[in-house]
Protein backbone atom coordinates (compact mmCIF):
# COMPACT_ATOMS: atom_id res chain seq x y z
CA LYS A 1 31.36 -15.11 -191.45
CA ILE A 2 32.84 -13.90 -194.07
CA LEU A 3 33.08 -17.08 -195.85
CA ASP A 4 29.23 -17.73 -195.50
CA VAL A 5 28.72 -13.74 -196.73
CA ALA A 6 30.33 -14.39 -199.91
CA VAL A 7 29.55 -17.92 -200.10
CA LYS A 8 25.95 -16.52 -200.83
CA GLU A 9 27.05 -13.16 -202.65
CA PHE A 10 28.93 -15.32 -205.53
CA ALA A 11 26.30 -18.17 -205.09
CA SER A 12 23.44 -15.67 -205.87
CA LYS A 13 25.32 -13.06 -208.23
CA GLY A 14 28.23 -14.69 -210.43
CA PHE A 15 31.48 -13.41 -210.02
CA THR A 16 31.85 -10.81 -212.19
CA SER A 17 28.21 -9.08 -210.30
CA ALA A 18 29.26 -9.85 -206.93
CA ASN A 19 30.73 -6.45 -204.45
CA ILE A 20 33.27 -7.04 -202.36
CA ASN A 21 32.22 -3.71 -200.57
CA ASP A 22 28.70 -5.48 -200.44
CA ILE A 23 30.18 -9.01 -198.58
CA SER A 24 32.17 -6.70 -196.24
CA LYS A 25 29.51 -4.89 -195.06
CA ASN A 26 27.13 -7.80 -194.58
CA ALA A 27 29.53 -9.82 -192.71
CA GLY A 28 30.48 -6.93 -190.23
CA ILE A 29 33.77 -5.68 -191.14
CA SER A 30 35.53 -2.43 -193.14
CA ILE A 31 36.62 -3.20 -196.40
CA GLY A 32 39.94 -2.26 -194.80
CA SER A 33 39.75 -5.36 -193.15
CA MET A 34 38.59 -7.33 -195.67
CA TYR A 35 41.66 -6.26 -197.45
CA THR A 36 43.87 -7.54 -194.90
CA TYR A 37 42.53 -11.36 -195.01
CA PHE A 38 42.11 -11.27 -199.00
CA SER A 39 43.82 -9.09 -201.27
CA SER A 40 41.24 -9.27 -204.28
CA LYS A 41 38.20 -10.55 -205.07
CA GLU A 42 39.69 -12.94 -206.91
CA ASP A 43 41.85 -13.96 -203.65
CA LEU A 44 38.41 -13.97 -202.05
CA PHE A 45 36.69 -16.33 -204.56
CA LEU A 46 39.39 -18.42 -205.15
CA THR A 47 39.30 -19.54 -201.15
CA VAL A 48 35.33 -19.75 -201.59
CA ILE A 49 35.91 -22.47 -204.41
CA TYR A 50 38.38 -23.75 -201.95
CA TYR A 51 36.14 -24.08 -199.19
CA GLY A 52 34.14 -25.65 -201.51
CA TYR A 53 36.02 -28.15 -203.43
CA SER A 54 37.47 -29.19 -199.23
CA LEU A 55 34.24 -30.11 -198.00
CA LEU A 56 33.81 -32.40 -201.61
CA GLU A 57 36.95 -33.87 -201.09
CA ASN A 58 35.79 -34.54 -197.24
CA ALA A 59 32.81 -35.79 -197.57
CA LEU A 60 34.08 -38.27 -200.86
CA SER A 61 36.90 -39.47 -198.84
CA GLU A 62 35.00 -40.61 -196.05
CA VAL A 63 32.43 -42.94 -198.96
CA ALA A 64 35.79 -44.08 -200.53
CA GLU A 65 37.09 -45.37 -196.85
CA VAL A 66 34.18 -47.62 -196.14
CA GLU A 67 34.75 -51.08 -197.15
CA GLY A 68 32.23 -53.61 -198.38
CA ASP A 69 29.79 -54.00 -201.39
CA ILE A 70 28.47 -50.80 -203.85
CA PHE A 71 25.54 -51.26 -202.01
CA ASP A 72 27.54 -50.54 -198.26
CA LYS A 73 29.54 -47.28 -200.17
CA MET A 74 25.91 -46.39 -201.10
CA GLU A 75 24.75 -46.12 -198.17
CA GLN A 76 27.73 -44.47 -196.84
CA MET A 77 27.46 -41.80 -199.21
CA ILE A 78 23.81 -40.84 -198.24
CA ARG A 79 24.73 -40.85 -195.03
CA THR A 80 27.83 -38.75 -195.51
CA ALA A 81 25.76 -36.09 -197.92
CA GLN A 82 22.61 -36.09 -195.09
CA TYR A 83 25.51 -35.56 -192.45
CA TYR A 84 26.84 -32.57 -194.76
CA SER A 85 23.68 -31.08 -195.31
CA LYS A 86 22.77 -30.30 -192.17
CA LYS A 87 25.85 -29.01 -190.68
CA PHE A 88 26.96 -26.89 -193.73
CA GLN A 89 23.44 -25.73 -194.56
CA ASN A 90 25.11 -22.39 -196.03
CA VAL A 91 26.94 -23.69 -198.75
CA ARG A 92 24.04 -26.46 -199.82
CA GLN A 93 21.62 -23.66 -200.34
CA TYR A 94 23.41 -22.42 -203.41
């Protein structure tokens, strides 16, 4: 829940204007609990970036594993993009 809210906050407001108090409130946790999980806004931001990067890395590795010509890889790329768009709707909106 925290990552979903943080993705939305950082994407809509940018790093500078994003507010960790708003993120904790919208995630339904106290600010104290937020700092139990993340040492700072920067730490939370880097976690969000890593989350997005790992999704992209997983998607690209699925495409890279496909045997065949460029058209087979393009087909897999489209299928993978559709799959990730449906599964991770919170990320693709931003």
